[in-house]
Amino acid sequence: MYKPLKKKIVSVLVLNQANVLTRVVSLFGRRGFNIDSLTVSATNDPALSRITIVFSATEQSMQQIITQTEKLEVVKSIYILDRANSLYRELLLLKVNASEKKRTPIKEIVDIYRGKIVDLSKDSMIIELTGTPEKLDGFMDVMEDYEVVEVCRTGITGIESNGDRNE
């Protein structure tokens, strides 16, 4: 019977030491999971780092990979970031060709999305936008009417917004 894949976001607190990222990510790869997005960041504890992983899985396979990841000695904790009680953000840098005529309409779009123009040259602009992945996707859809030169997205990072975790 076909079991639908759902996009999952997990937060993994790991020891801040060499090869930790390789160990965690290779576990996902060996089990056949494709990672859609991956971010690593410092935490308030210099001994720990946070790895945020976005991947698609069935409920059963997701529980299996979480259990296997928890068993790694470098992993301090792992938990699913649920959309109902978590905040997600992503950073987008977008370079777009922008003649003098096109600058004003592009700036209006950037302002509506609460982005910033961080670089301007004679024929191009670089735009910075932070928000939910859905917001960035919407912005990209609107910008399809312009000549996009380059796109760079950081991947999702997230934090639990309520609950009793002290991590």
N, C-alpha and C. Protein backbone atom coordinates (compact mmCIF):
# COMPACT_ATOMS: atom_id res chain seq x y z
N MET A 1 0.84 -1.19 0.00
CA MET A 1 0.00 0.00 0.00
C MET A 1 0.88 1.24 0.00
N TYR A 2 0.53 2.22 -0.82
CA TYR A 2 1.29 3.45 -0.94
C TYR A 2 1.10 4.32 0.30
N LYS A 3 2.21 4.78 0.88
CA LYS A 3 2.15 5.69 2.01
C LYS A 3 2.74 7.02 1.56
N PRO A 4 1.96 8.09 1.66
CA PRO A 4 2.44 9.38 1.16
C PRO A 4 3.61 9.92 1.99
N LEU A 5 4.51 10.60 1.28
CA LEU A 5 5.63 11.25 1.95
C LEU A 5 5.19 12.62 2.42
N LYS A 6 5.64 12.98 3.60
CA LYS A 6 5.37 14.31 4.13
C LYS A 6 6.69 14.98 4.42
N LYS A 7 6.73 16.29 4.20
CA LYS A 7 7.94 17.06 4.49
C LYS A 7 8.06 17.20 6.00
N LYS A 8 9.21 16.85 6.50
CA LYS A 8 9.48 16.92 7.94
C LYS A 8 10.67 17.85 8.19
N ILE A 9 10.60 18.56 9.31
CA ILE A 9 11.71 19.42 9.73
C ILE A 9 12.12 18.97 11.12
N VAL A 10 13.39 18.57 11.25
CA VAL A 10 13.89 18.14 12.55
C VAL A 10 15.04 19.04 12.97
N SER A 11 15.12 19.23 14.26
CA SER A 11 16.20 20.00 14.87
C SER A 11 17.04 19.03 15.69
N VAL A 12 18.34 19.01 15.42
CA VAL A 12 19.24 18.08 16.08
C VAL A 12 20.30 18.89 16.83
N LEU A 13 20.36 18.75 18.15
CA LEU A 13 21.42 19.37 18.93
C LEU A 13 22.55 18.37 19.04
N VAL A 14 23.74 18.81 18.59
CA VAL A 14 24.90 17.91 18.53
C VAL A 14 26.09 18.56 19.22
N LEU A 15 27.05 17.73 19.59
CA LEU A 15 28.30 18.24 20.12
C LEU A 15 29.00 19.05 19.04
N ASN A 16 29.58 20.16 19.41
CA ASN A 16 30.26 21.03 18.47
C ASN A 16 31.70 20.52 18.31
N GLN A 17 31.87 19.56 17.39
CA GLN A 17 33.19 18.99 17.15
C GLN A 17 33.31 18.58 15.69
N ALA A 18 34.52 18.27 15.27
CA ALA A 18 34.80 17.93 13.88
C ALA A 18 34.02 16.68 13.45
N ASN A 19 33.58 16.68 12.21
CA ASN A 19 32.91 15.56 11.54
C ASN A 19 31.51 15.23 12.05
N VAL A 20 30.94 16.04 12.91
CA VAL A 20 29.59 15.76 13.41
C VAL A 20 28.58 15.86 12.27
N LEU A 21 28.67 16.90 11.47
CA LEU A 21 27.74 17.07 10.36
C LEU A 21 27.81 15.88 9.41
N THR A 22 29.01 15.44 9.09
CA THR A 22 29.19 14.30 8.20
C THR A 22 28.52 13.05 8.76
N ARG A 23 28.69 12.83 10.05
CA ARG A 23 28.12 11.63 10.67
C ARG A 23 26.59 11.65 10.62
N VAL A 24 25.99 12.80 10.92
CA VAL A 24 24.53 12.89 10.93
C VAL A 24 23.98 12.79 9.51
N VAL A 25 24.55 13.55 8.59
CA VAL A 25 24.04 13.58 7.22
C VAL A 25 24.25 12.23 6.53
N SER A 26 25.39 11.60 6.76
CA SER A 26 25.63 10.31 6.10
C SER A 26 24.66 9.24 6.60
N LEU A 27 24.20 9.35 7.84
CA LEU A 27 23.19 8.42 8.34
C LEU A 27 21.91 8.55 7.52
N PHE A 28 21.49 9.78 7.23
CA PHE A 28 20.31 10.00 6.40
C PHE A 28 20.53 9.44 5.00
N GLY A 29 21.70 9.69 4.42
CA GLY A 29 22.01 9.20 3.08
C GLY A 29 22.04 7.69 3.00
N ARG A 30 22.65 7.05 3.97
CA ARG A 30 22.72 5.58 3.98
C ARG A 30 21.33 4.95 4.10
N ARG A 31 20.40 5.65 4.72
CA ARG A 31 19.04 5.12 4.87
C ARG A 31 18.14 5.52 3.71
N GLY A 32 18.70 6.19 2.70
CA GLY A 32 17.95 6.51 1.49
C GLY A 32 17.10 7.77 1.55
N PHE A 33 17.38 8.65 2.52
CA PHE A 33 16.62 9.90 2.61
C PHE A 33 17.31 10.98 1.80
N ASN A 34 16.54 11.74 1.06
CA ASN A 34 17.06 12.90 0.35
C ASN A 34 16.82 14.13 1.22
N ILE A 35 17.87 14.86 1.53
CA ILE A 35 17.75 16.06 2.35
C ILE A 35 17.41 17.23 1.44
N ASP A 36 16.28 17.89 1.71
CA ASP A 36 15.84 19.03 0.92
C ASP A 36 16.56 20.31 1.33
N SER A 37 16.83 20.45 2.61
CA SER A 37 17.45 21.65 3.14
C SER A 37 18.23 21.28 4.39
N LEU A 38 19.36 21.96 4.59
CA LEU A 38 20.22 21.66 5.73
C LEU A 38 20.87 22.96 6.19
N THR A 39 20.73 23.26 7.46
CA THR A 39 21.43 24.41 8.03
C THR A 39 22.09 23.97 9.34
N VAL A 40 23.20 24.60 9.63
CA VAL A 40 23.92 24.34 10.87
C VAL A 40 24.23 25.68 11.50
N SER A 41 24.04 25.77 12.81
CA SER A 41 24.29 27.04 13.47
C SER A 41 24.78 26.82 14.90
N ALA A 42 25.37 27.87 15.42
CA ALA A 42 25.80 27.88 16.81
C ALA A 42 24.56 27.98 17.70
N THR A 43 24.73 27.63 18.96
CA THR A 43 23.66 27.78 19.95
C THR A 43 24.18 28.67 21.08
N ASN A 44 23.37 28.87 22.09
CA ASN A 44 23.82 29.66 23.24
C ASN A 44 24.87 28.92 24.07
N ASP A 45 25.04 27.62 23.82
CA ASP A 45 26.06 26.82 24.49
C ASP A 45 27.18 26.54 23.50
N PRO A 46 28.40 27.04 23.73
CA PRO A 46 29.49 26.85 22.77
C PRO A 46 29.87 25.39 22.54
N ALA A 47 29.43 24.49 23.39
CA ALA A 47 29.73 23.07 23.22
C ALA A 47 28.75 22.38 22.27
N LEU A 48 27.66 23.08 21.90
CA LEU A 48 26.62 22.48 21.06
C LEU A 48 26.38 23.27 19.79
N SER A 49 25.98 22.57 18.74
CA SER A 49 25.52 23.17 17.48
C SER A 49 24.13 22.63 17.17
N ARG A 50 23.39 23.38 16.37
CA ARG A 50 22.04 22.95 15.96
C ARG A 50 22.07 22.65 14.47
N ILE A 51 21.62 21.46 14.11
CA ILE A 51 21.47 21.08 12.70
C ILE A 51 19.97 21.02 12.43
N THR A 52 19.50 21.77 11.44
CA THR A 52 18.10 21.73 11.04
C THR A 52 18.04 21.03 9.69
N ILE A 53 17.28 19.94 9.63
CA ILE A 53 17.21 19.11 8.43
C ILE A 53 15.76 19.06 7.94
N VAL A 54 15.57 19.33 6.65
CA VAL A 54 14.26 19.21 6.02
C VAL A 54 14.34 18.03 5.05
N PHE A 55 13.42 17.09 5.19
CA PHE A 55 13.41 15.91 4.32
C PHE A 55 11.98 15.39 4.21
N SER A 56 11.75 14.52 3.24
CA SER A 56 10.43 13.91 3.06
C SER A 56 10.48 12.47 3.51
N ALA A 57 9.43 12.04 4.20
CA ALA A 57 9.39 10.67 4.73
C ALA A 57 7.96 10.28 5.06
N THR A 58 7.74 8.97 5.14
CA THR A 58 6.49 8.48 5.69
C THR A 58 6.61 8.60 7.21
N GLU A 59 5.51 8.49 7.89
CA GLU A 59 5.52 8.60 9.35
C GLU A 59 6.42 7.53 9.97
N GLN A 60 6.31 6.31 9.46
CA GLN A 60 7.09 5.20 10.00
C GLN A 60 8.59 5.39 9.75
N SER A 61 8.96 5.74 8.52
CA SER A 61 10.39 5.90 8.22
C SER A 61 10.98 7.11 8.94
N MET A 62 10.16 8.13 9.17
CA MET A 62 10.64 9.29 9.92
C MET A 62 10.96 8.91 11.36
N GLN A 63 10.11 8.12 11.97
CA GLN A 63 10.37 7.68 13.34
C GLN A 63 11.64 6.82 13.40
N GLN A 64 11.85 6.00 12.39
CA GLN A 64 13.04 5.15 12.35
C GLN A 64 14.31 5.99 12.25
N ILE A 65 14.32 6.99 11.38
CA ILE A 65 15.55 7.80 11.21
C ILE A 65 15.80 8.64 12.47
N ILE A 66 14.75 9.10 13.12
CA ILE A 66 14.94 9.85 14.37
C ILE A 66 15.53 8.95 15.45
N THR A 67 15.01 7.74 15.57
CA THR A 67 15.53 6.78 16.55
C THR A 67 17.00 6.47 16.27
N GLN A 68 17.34 6.25 15.01
CA GLN A 68 18.72 5.94 14.65
C GLN A 68 19.64 7.14 14.89
N THR A 69 19.16 8.33 14.61
CA THR A 69 19.97 9.54 14.82
C THR A 69 20.22 9.76 16.31
N GLU A 70 19.21 9.51 17.14
CA GLU A 70 19.36 9.66 18.59
C GLU A 70 20.46 8.76 19.15
N LYS A 71 20.70 7.65 18.50
CA LYS A 71 21.69 6.68 18.99
C LYS A 71 23.13 7.13 18.75
N LEU A 72 23.35 8.11 17.86
CA LEU A 72 24.70 8.60 17.63
C LEU A 72 25.20 9.29 18.90
N GLU A 73 26.42 8.97 19.34
CA GLU A 73 26.92 9.52 20.60
C GLU A 73 27.12 11.03 20.56
N VAL A 74 27.23 11.62 19.37
CA VAL A 74 27.41 13.07 19.25
C VAL A 74 26.09 13.83 19.33
N VAL A 75 24.97 13.12 19.30
CA VAL A 75 23.65 13.75 19.32
C VAL A 75 23.16 13.88 20.76
N LYS A 76 22.85 15.10 21.15
CA LYS A 76 22.32 15.36 22.49
C LYS A 76 20.79 15.27 22.52
N SER A 77 20.13 15.78 21.48
CA SER A 77 18.68 15.65 21.38
C SER A 77 18.25 15.89 19.94
N ILE A 78 17.09 15.35 19.62
CA ILE A 78 16.50 15.55 18.29
C ILE A 78 15.00 15.64 18.48
N TYR A 79 14.38 16.57 17.77
CA TYR A 79 12.93 16.66 17.84
C TYR A 79 12.38 17.25 16.56
N ILE A 80 11.14 16.92 16.30
CA ILE A 80 10.44 17.39 15.11
C ILE A 80 9.94 18.80 15.38
N LEU A 81 10.19 19.71 14.44
CA LEU A 81 9.63 21.06 14.55
C LEU A 81 8.25 21.04 13.88
N ASP A 82 7.23 21.15 14.68
CA ASP A 82 5.86 21.12 14.21
C ASP A 82 5.44 22.53 13.81
N ARG A 83 4.80 22.67 12.68
CA ARG A 83 4.40 24.00 12.19
C ARG A 83 3.51 24.75 13.18
N ALA A 84 2.76 24.02 13.99
CA ALA A 84 1.84 24.68 14.92
C ALA A 84 2.56 25.39 16.06
N ASN A 85 3.77 24.93 16.43
CA ASN A 85 4.44 25.56 17.56
C ASN A 85 5.91 25.88 17.28
N SER A 86 6.21 26.15 16.02
CA SER A 86 7.59 26.50 15.66
C SER A 86 7.61 27.67 14.69
N LEU A 87 8.73 28.35 14.67
CA LEU A 87 8.96 29.43 13.71
C LEU A 87 10.03 28.99 12.73
N TYR A 88 9.79 29.23 11.44
CA TYR A 88 10.76 28.90 10.40
C TYR A 88 11.14 30.17 9.66
N ARG A 89 12.40 30.25 9.29
CA ARG A 89 12.86 31.37 8.48
C ARG A 89 13.91 30.87 7.49
N GLU A 90 14.03 31.63 6.41
CA GLU A 90 14.99 31.34 5.38
C GLU A 90 15.45 32.68 4.79
N LEU A 91 16.67 32.73 4.33
CA LEU A 91 17.22 33.94 3.72
C LEU A 91 17.37 33.71 2.23
N LEU A 92 16.97 34.71 1.44
CA LEU A 92 17.10 34.67 -0.01
C LEU A 92 17.93 35.85 -0.46
N LEU A 93 18.90 35.60 -1.30
CA LEU A 93 19.60 36.65 -2.03
C LEU A 93 19.28 36.44 -3.50
N LEU A 94 18.83 37.49 -4.16
CA LEU A 94 18.40 37.40 -5.55
C LEU A 94 19.05 38.52 -6.35
N LYS A 95 19.75 38.16 -7.41
CA LYS A 95 20.33 39.15 -8.31
C LYS A 95 19.45 39.20 -9.55
N VAL A 96 19.02 40.39 -9.90
CA VAL A 96 18.12 40.57 -11.03
C VAL A 96 18.64 41.70 -11.92
N ASN A 97 18.56 41.49 -13.23
CA ASN A 97 18.90 42.57 -14.15
C ASN A 97 17.86 43.66 -13.99
N ALA A 98 18.32 44.90 -13.87
CA ALA A 98 17.40 46.00 -13.60
C ALA A 98 17.87 47.26 -14.30
N SER A 99 17.32 47.49 -15.47
CA SER A 99 17.59 48.75 -16.15
C SER A 99 16.94 49.86 -15.34
N GLU A 100 17.26 51.08 -15.68
CA GLU A 100 16.71 52.22 -14.94
C GLU A 100 15.18 52.20 -14.93
N LYS A 101 14.58 51.76 -16.04
CA LYS A 101 13.12 51.69 -16.16
C LYS A 101 12.49 50.67 -15.22
N LYS A 102 13.19 49.57 -14.99
CA LYS A 102 12.63 48.48 -14.20
C LYS A 102 12.88 48.62 -12.70
N ARG A 103 13.74 49.54 -12.30
CA ARG A 103 14.11 49.65 -10.89
C ARG A 103 12.93 50.00 -9.99
N THR A 104 12.13 50.95 -10.40
CA THR A 104 11.00 51.38 -9.55
C THR A 104 9.99 50.26 -9.33
N PRO A 105 9.55 49.56 -10.40
CA PRO A 105 8.61 48.46 -10.13
C PRO A 105 9.22 47.35 -9.27
N ILE A 106 10.50 47.06 -9.46
CA ILE A 106 11.15 46.04 -8.64
C ILE A 106 11.21 46.50 -7.19
N LYS A 107 11.56 47.77 -6.97
CA LYS A 107 11.64 48.30 -5.61
C LYS A 107 10.27 48.23 -4.93
N GLU A 108 9.21 48.49 -5.67
CA GLU A 108 7.87 48.41 -5.09
C GLU A 108 7.55 46.98 -4.63
N ILE A 109 7.93 46.00 -5.43
CA ILE A 109 7.71 44.60 -5.06
C ILE A 109 8.53 44.26 -3.82
N VAL A 110 9.79 44.67 -3.81
CA VAL A 110 10.68 44.41 -2.67
C VAL A 110 10.09 45.03 -1.41
N ASP A 111 9.58 46.25 -1.51
CA ASP A 111 8.98 46.91 -0.34
C ASP A 111 7.74 46.16 0.16
N ILE A 112 6.90 45.68 -0.75
CA ILE A 112 5.70 44.94 -0.35
C ILE A 112 6.09 43.69 0.44
N TYR A 113 7.16 43.02 0.01
CA TYR A 113 7.62 41.81 0.68
C TYR A 113 8.55 42.10 1.86
N ARG A 114 8.77 43.37 2.15
CA ARG A 114 9.64 43.82 3.24
C ARG A 114 11.07 43.31 3.10
N GLY A 115 11.54 43.36 1.86
CA GLY A 115 12.91 42.99 1.58
C GLY A 115 13.79 44.23 1.54
N LYS A 116 15.05 44.03 1.18
CA LYS A 116 15.99 45.15 1.07
C LYS A 116 16.77 45.02 -0.22
N ILE A 117 17.06 46.13 -0.82
CA ILE A 117 18.00 46.16 -1.94
C ILE A 117 19.36 46.40 -1.30
N VAL A 118 20.24 45.41 -1.39
CA VAL A 118 21.52 45.50 -0.69
C VAL A 118 22.67 45.87 -1.61
N ASP A 119 22.44 45.83 -2.92
CA ASP A 119 23.47 46.24 -3.87
C ASP A 119 22.79 46.71 -5.14
N LEU A 120 23.35 47.76 -5.72
CA LEU A 120 22.80 48.33 -6.95
C LEU A 120 23.94 48.71 -7.86
N SER A 121 23.88 48.23 -9.09
CA SER A 121 24.85 48.65 -10.09
C SER A 121 24.09 49.26 -11.26
N LYS A 122 24.81 49.60 -12.28
CA LYS A 122 24.20 50.25 -13.43
C LYS A 122 23.10 49.39 -14.06
N ASP A 123 23.28 48.09 -14.04
CA ASP A 123 22.31 47.24 -14.74
C ASP A 123 21.76 46.08 -13.91
N SER A 124 22.02 46.06 -12.60
CA SER A 124 21.47 44.97 -11.79
C SER A 124 21.24 45.41 -10.34
N MET A 125 20.47 44.58 -9.62
CA MET A 125 20.20 44.78 -8.21
C MET A 125 20.37 43.45 -7.49
N ILE A 126 20.79 43.52 -6.24
CA ILE A 126 20.77 42.34 -5.39
C ILE A 126 19.80 42.62 -4.25
N ILE A 127 18.87 41.70 -4.10
CA ILE A 127 17.78 41.85 -3.13
C ILE A 127 17.97 40.82 -2.02
N GLU A 128 17.74 41.24 -0.79
CA GLU A 128 17.78 40.36 0.37
C GLU A 128 16.39 40.26 0.94
N LEU A 129 15.95 39.04 1.20
CA LEU A 129 14.62 38.83 1.75
C LEU A 129 14.67 37.69 2.76
N THR A 130 14.08 37.91 3.91
CA THR A 130 14.01 36.89 4.95
C THR A 130 12.55 36.62 5.25
N GLY A 131 12.23 35.35 5.45
CA GLY A 131 10.86 35.01 5.80
C GLY A 131 10.63 33.52 5.75
N THR A 132 9.36 33.16 5.78
CA THR A 132 9.00 31.76 5.68
C THR A 132 9.32 31.27 4.27
N PRO A 133 9.51 29.98 4.12
CA PRO A 133 9.75 29.45 2.77
C PRO A 133 8.61 29.80 1.80
N GLU A 134 7.38 29.82 2.29
CA GLU A 134 6.24 30.16 1.45
C GLU A 134 6.31 31.61 0.98
N LYS A 135 6.73 32.51 1.85
CA LYS A 135 6.87 33.92 1.48
C LYS A 135 7.93 34.06 0.39
N LEU A 136 9.06 33.38 0.56
CA LEU A 136 10.13 33.46 -0.43
C LEU A 136 9.70 32.86 -1.76
N ASP A 137 8.93 31.76 -1.71
CA ASP A 137 8.41 31.16 -2.94
C ASP A 137 7.48 32.14 -3.65
N GLY A 138 6.62 32.81 -2.89
CA GLY A 138 5.71 33.80 -3.47
C GLY A 138 6.46 34.94 -4.13
N PHE A 139 7.50 35.42 -3.46
CA PHE A 139 8.34 36.49 -4.01
C PHE A 139 8.99 36.03 -5.31
N MET A 140 9.51 34.81 -5.32
CA MET A 140 10.15 34.27 -6.52
C MET A 140 9.15 34.18 -7.67
N ASP A 141 7.90 33.81 -7.38
CA ASP A 141 6.87 33.74 -8.41
C ASP A 141 6.64 35.11 -9.04
N VAL A 142 6.57 36.14 -8.22
CA VAL A 142 6.35 37.50 -8.72
C VAL A 142 7.56 37.97 -9.54
N MET A 143 8.74 37.59 -9.11
CA MET A 143 9.96 38.04 -9.78
C MET A 143 10.23 37.31 -11.10
N GLU A 144 9.44 36.30 -11.43
CA GLU A 144 9.59 35.59 -12.70
C GLU A 144 9.40 36.53 -13.89
N ASP A 145 8.69 37.64 -13.69
CA ASP A 145 8.47 38.60 -14.77
C ASP A 145 9.71 39.42 -15.08
N TYR A 146 10.74 39.28 -14.28
CA TYR A 146 11.99 40.03 -14.46
C TYR A 146 13.11 39.04 -14.76
N GLU A 147 14.22 39.56 -15.23
CA GLU A 147 15.34 38.70 -15.61
C GLU A 147 16.20 38.38 -14.39
N VAL A 148 15.91 37.23 -13.79
CA VAL A 148 16.67 36.79 -12.62
C VAL A 148 18.01 36.22 -13.10
N VAL A 149 19.09 36.74 -12.52
CA VAL A 149 20.43 36.32 -12.91
C VAL A 149 20.93 35.20 -12.01
N GLU A 150 20.68 35.34 -10.71
CA GLU A 150 21.21 34.36 -9.76
C GLU A 150 20.34 34.34 -8.52
N VAL A 151 20.21 33.14 -7.92
CA VAL A 151 19.42 32.96 -6.70
C VAL A 151 20.24 32.16 -5.71
N CYS A 152 20.20 32.58 -4.46
CA CYS A 152 20.86 31.83 -3.39
C CYS A 152 19.91 31.83 -2.19
N ARG A 153 19.57 30.61 -1.74
CA ARG A 153 18.71 30.45 -0.56
C ARG A 153 19.47 29.67 0.50
N THR A 154 19.32 30.08 1.74
CA THR A 154 20.09 29.46 2.82
C THR A 154 19.56 28.11 3.24
N GLY A 155 18.30 27.87 3.06
CA GLY A 155 17.68 26.69 3.64
C GLY A 155 16.99 27.11 4.92
N ILE A 156 16.10 26.27 5.38
CA ILE A 156 15.25 26.60 6.53
C ILE A 156 16.03 26.44 7.83
N THR A 157 15.82 27.39 8.71
CA THR A 157 16.23 27.23 10.10
C THR A 157 14.99 27.45 10.94
N GLY A 158 14.91 26.80 12.06
CA GLY A 158 13.69 26.89 12.85
C GLY A 158 13.95 26.74 14.33
N ILE A 159 12.97 27.20 15.09
CA ILE A 159 13.05 27.10 16.54
C ILE A 159 11.64 26.91 17.07
N GLU A 160 11.53 26.14 18.12
CA GLU A 160 10.23 25.93 18.74
C GLU A 160 9.81 27.22 19.44
N SER A 161 8.56 27.66 19.21
CA SER A 161 8.13 28.95 19.76
C SER A 161 7.42 28.80 21.09
N ASN A 162 6.87 27.65 21.38
CA ASN A 162 6.26 27.46 22.69
C ASN A 162 6.45 26.01 23.11
N GLY A 163 6.19 25.71 24.31
CA GLY A 163 6.49 24.39 24.85
C GLY A 163 7.48 24.56 25.99
N ASP A 164 7.95 23.45 26.52
CA ASP A 164 8.81 23.57 27.69
C ASP A 164 10.24 23.10 27.43
N ARG A 165 10.69 23.10 26.18
CA ARG A 165 12.06 22.73 25.89
C ARG A 165 13.00 23.87 26.29
N ASN A 166 14.13 23.55 26.88
CA ASN A 166 15.12 24.55 27.25
C ASN A 166 16.40 24.35 26.43
N GLU A 167 16.25 24.15 25.14
CA GLU A 167 17.41 23.84 24.29
C GLU A 167 17.73 24.98 23.36
